[in-house]
Structure formats: C-alpha cells, structure tokens
Amino acid sequence: MKGRWSRKLIIIHWLSALVVVSMFASGLWMVDLTYYSTWYKTAPHWHKSIGLILFAVTAYRLTVRLRSERPPSFGNRAEHMASKVVQGLIYGLLMVLFLSGYLISTADGRAIEVFNWFSLPGFGAIVENQEDIAGDIHFYVACTLIGLATLHAIAAFKHHFINKDDTLRQMFRFRSNK
C-alpha cells in the first residue's frame, strides 16, 4: 500500500532489531566464558550461525528496500538528512560487523558451520593477527551500532511524542486519525 512500509520490511526491521540487541548482549556475555563452561562451544556456534542468517536477511532487506517506494517522511530537512545518514551508517556498520565476524571465525582456515545445516568456507588469515584485529573491529563496531540504533529509536520516540507525527506508527502499520 502506498505511503506505508511493506509488512515484510516491517517484520524484518523488528526481527533484525531484536537479533542485533540479543547478539550484542550474547557477545558481551561470551567473552567471559571459560573453557569449562557448558556454553563455551555452543554460544559461539549459535552466535556465528545467527550472525550469518542475519547477514542474509539484511542483504535481502537492502535489496527489497532499494526497490520499494519510501513512505512519506516527517520532520524538517535536517531531520530527513540525519535520518538518511544514520540509517546508511547502520547498514554500513552491519556489513562491517558481518565481515569482521567472518574474519574472526575463519582466521584459522576452518569453515563456519551454520546450525549444522551448511558450511561457509574459511579462507584463513589474510593479515597477521587477523583474529585479534577483526575482534577489536567487531567489538567497537557493535558498540557504535548499538549507539546509533539507540539514537534511531530516540528519534522515532521524539517524532511520536513531541512532533505527534506518523513516523513510528508507520513501523507498526498504524495511522493516526488526523
């Protein structure tokens, strides 16, 4: 329907948001696991598998979004520009996050098993200390992504509660009676 995001994109948006926040929390939790933890191997396996599935969903989402008509935007010109910049940065950071996670996981040349359904081949180390460098990038990009996602959410709430426009309602497929 014209003037709304498609139901498909809305569902992917909210699922992606939930997965990103969950992956951030699980990543912080995983770094403190010891060899003797029952989660030592299981948690990273799930983290990698979910991360690769999120990569595929994000690639699909970008493809659909680029082909879809945007609903009307609200706010002034500076807000429109800020929205586009932040959303572009979020997508860019997601791609860096996926790539750095891949480089961490495949530095030793082993493939990544995705829930034991299929394997994504590993190419081994491309640079010296790849696992550590990619790990640092992964951590700082994840923190930045969470910060931008928080800013994105605050902006949506600002539009909803202060501007009283349909910005947030669009992401739930609701419209005001204005």
Protein backbone atom coordinates (compact mmCIF):
# COMPACT_ATOMS: atom_id res chain seq x y z
CA MET A 1 0.00 0.00 0.00
CA LYS A 2 1.31 3.43 -0.94
CA GLY A 3 2.54 5.53 1.95
CA ARG A 4 3.50 2.59 4.16
CA TRP A 5 6.42 0.26 4.56
CA SER A 6 5.57 -3.25 3.39
CA ARG A 7 4.60 -5.75 6.07
CA LYS A 8 7.63 -7.82 5.00
CA LEU A 9 10.07 -4.94 5.64
CA ILE A 10 8.43 -4.07 8.96
CA ILE A 11 8.71 -7.65 10.21
CA ILE A 12 12.34 -7.85 9.08
CA HIS A 13 13.06 -4.47 10.74
CA TRP A 14 11.75 -5.54 14.14
CA LEU A 15 13.25 -9.04 13.99
CA SER A 16 16.60 -7.53 12.98
CA ALA A 17 16.45 -5.06 15.86
CA LEU A 18 15.71 -7.86 18.31
CA VAL A 19 18.50 -10.03 16.91
CA VAL A 20 21.07 -7.20 16.90
CA VAL A 21 20.38 -6.33 20.54
CA SER A 22 20.41 -10.03 21.52
CA MET A 23 23.64 -10.66 19.61
CA PHE A 24 25.28 -7.66 21.29
CA ALA A 25 24.28 -8.94 24.73
CA SER A 26 25.35 -12.50 23.94
CA GLY A 27 28.67 -11.27 22.53
CA LEU A 28 29.43 -9.39 25.73
CA TRP A 29 28.48 -12.46 27.75
CA MET A 30 30.51 -14.87 25.59
CA VAL A 31 33.84 -13.12 26.03
CA ASP A 32 33.81 -14.07 29.71
CA LEU A 33 33.10 -17.77 29.15
CA THR A 34 35.81 -20.11 30.31
CA TYR A 35 36.85 -23.38 28.72
CA TYR A 36 34.99 -25.24 31.45
CA SER A 37 31.66 -23.52 30.79
CA THR A 38 28.99 -25.71 29.21
CA TRP A 39 28.33 -22.79 26.83
CA TYR A 40 31.97 -22.41 25.72
CA LYS A 41 31.39 -24.03 22.31
CA THR A 42 27.62 -23.77 21.98
CA ALA A 43 27.27 -19.99 22.43
CA PRO A 44 29.84 -19.05 19.74
CA HIS A 45 28.28 -21.62 17.37
CA TRP A 46 24.86 -20.03 17.79
CA HIS A 47 26.31 -16.51 17.62
CA LYS A 48 28.04 -17.25 14.30
CA SER A 49 25.05 -19.09 12.87
CA ILE A 50 22.57 -16.37 13.79
CA GLY A 51 25.01 -13.71 12.56
CA LEU A 52 25.27 -15.34 9.13
CA ILE A 53 21.49 -15.74 8.89
CA LEU A 54 21.11 -12.06 9.85
CA PHE A 55 23.61 -11.20 7.10
CA ALA A 56 21.44 -13.00 4.51
CA VAL A 57 18.28 -11.35 5.86
CA THR A 58 19.97 -7.93 5.83
CA ALA A 59 21.16 -8.40 2.24
CA TYR A 60 17.60 -9.37 1.27
CA ARG A 61 16.20 -6.42 3.23
CA LEU A 62 18.51 -3.97 1.46
CA THR A 63 17.54 -5.39 -1.93
CA VAL A 64 13.82 -5.12 -1.19
CA ARG A 65 14.20 -1.69 0.37
CA LEU A 66 16.11 -0.28 -2.59
CA ARG A 67 13.32 -1.46 -4.88
CA SER A 68 10.49 -0.21 -2.65
CA GLU A 69 8.88 3.18 -2.53
CA ARG A 70 9.60 5.01 0.71
CA PRO A 71 6.61 6.19 2.72
CA PRO A 72 6.38 9.91 3.38
CA SER A 73 8.97 11.31 5.78
CA PHE A 74 8.18 13.73 8.56
CA GLY A 75 10.23 16.47 10.08
CA ASN A 76 12.39 19.21 8.65
CA ARG A 77 15.12 18.98 6.04
CA ALA A 78 17.91 18.50 8.62
CA GLU A 79 15.97 15.61 10.21
CA HIS A 80 15.49 13.98 6.80
CA MET A 81 19.22 14.22 6.12
CA ALA A 82 20.13 12.96 9.61
CA SER A 83 17.72 10.05 9.15
CA LYS A 84 19.30 9.04 5.87
CA VAL A 85 22.84 9.36 7.27
CA VAL A 86 22.07 7.35 10.42
CA GLN A 87 20.21 4.63 8.50
CA GLY A 88 23.06 4.43 5.97
CA LEU A 89 25.57 4.17 8.81
CA ILE A 90 23.51 1.44 10.47
CA TYR A 91 23.52 -0.64 7.27
CA GLY A 92 27.22 0.05 6.72
CA LEU A 93 28.10 -0.90 10.29
CA LEU A 94 26.09 -4.09 9.97
CA MET A 95 28.12 -5.05 6.91
CA VAL A 96 31.42 -4.31 8.71
CA LEU A 97 30.13 -6.33 11.67
CA PHE A 98 29.33 -9.31 9.45
CA LEU A 99 32.69 -9.12 7.68
CA SER A 100 34.70 -8.75 10.89
CA GLY A 101 32.81 -11.65 12.48
CA TYR A 102 33.62 -13.79 9.45
CA LEU A 103 37.29 -12.80 9.64
CA ILE A 104 37.43 -13.68 13.36
CA SER A 105 35.80 -17.06 12.81
CA THR A 106 37.78 -18.14 9.76
CA ALA A 107 41.26 -16.85 10.62
CA ASP A 108 42.36 -20.43 11.29
CA GLY A 109 41.06 -21.58 7.89
CA ARG A 110 38.11 -23.54 9.24
CA ALA A 111 34.64 -23.14 7.77
CA ILE A 112 31.72 -21.76 9.77
CA GLU A 113 29.00 -24.31 10.41
CA VAL A 114 25.59 -22.67 10.28
CA PHE A 115 23.46 -24.69 12.71
CA ASN A 116 24.99 -27.80 11.08
CA TRP A 117 22.80 -27.10 8.02
CA PHE A 118 25.65 -25.98 5.77
CA SER A 119 29.18 -24.62 5.97
CA LEU A 120 30.56 -21.28 4.87
CA PRO A 121 34.18 -21.84 3.81
CA GLY A 122 37.00 -20.04 5.53
CA PHE A 123 39.95 -18.59 3.64
CA GLY A 124 42.35 -18.46 6.56
CA ALA A 125 44.29 -15.47 7.74
CA ILE A 126 44.67 -12.65 5.24
CA VAL A 127 46.72 -10.47 7.61
CA GLU A 128 48.84 -11.23 10.65
CA ASN A 129 46.85 -11.22 13.93
CA GLN A 130 43.64 -11.20 11.91
CA GLU A 131 41.56 -12.71 14.69
CA ASP A 132 42.61 -10.02 17.18
CA ILE A 133 42.30 -7.10 14.76
CA ALA A 134 38.92 -8.28 13.48
CA GLY A 135 37.83 -8.90 17.08
CA ASP A 136 38.60 -5.32 18.07
CA ILE A 137 36.80 -4.01 14.99
CA HIS A 138 33.85 -6.29 15.72
CA PHE A 139 33.57 -5.05 19.30
CA TYR A 140 33.83 -1.32 18.54
CA VAL A 141 31.54 -1.52 15.52
CA ALA A 142 28.96 -3.42 17.60
CA CYS A 143 29.11 -0.73 20.30
CA THR A 144 28.74 2.01 17.68
CA LEU A 145 25.84 0.16 16.05
CA ILE A 146 24.01 -0.12 19.38
CA GLY A 147 24.60 3.61 19.96
CA LEU A 148 23.21 4.55 16.53
CA ALA A 149 20.27 2.17 16.93
CA THR A 150 19.52 3.87 20.25
CA LEU A 151 19.69 7.27 18.56
CA HIS A 152 17.37 5.93 15.83
CA ALA A 153 14.87 4.78 18.48
CA ILE A 154 15.06 8.09 20.37
CA ALA A 155 14.35 9.95 17.13
CA ALA A 156 11.31 7.74 16.49
CA PHE A 157 10.00 8.43 20.01
CA LYS A 158 10.65 12.15 19.55
CA HIS A 159 8.58 12.11 16.37
CA HIS A 160 5.82 10.16 18.10
CA PHE A 161 5.58 12.00 21.42
CA ILE A 162 6.80 15.52 20.59
CA ASN A 163 6.03 16.02 16.89
CA LYS A 164 2.99 13.72 17.09
CA ASP A 165 3.51 12.54 13.52
CA ASP A 166 3.20 9.09 11.93
CA THR A 167 6.90 8.19 11.82
CA LEU A 168 6.68 5.48 14.49
CA ARG A 169 3.16 4.43 13.50
CA GLN A 170 4.48 3.57 10.03
CA MET A 171 6.68 0.89 11.56
CA PHE A 172 3.62 -0.72 13.17
CA ARG A 173 1.35 -0.12 10.15
CA PHE A 174 -0.89 2.15 12.19
CA ARG A 175 -2.06 5.56 11.11
CA SER A 176 -3.37 8.42 13.13
CA ASN A 177 -6.86 9.75 12.51
CA LYS A 178 -5.60 13.20 11.53
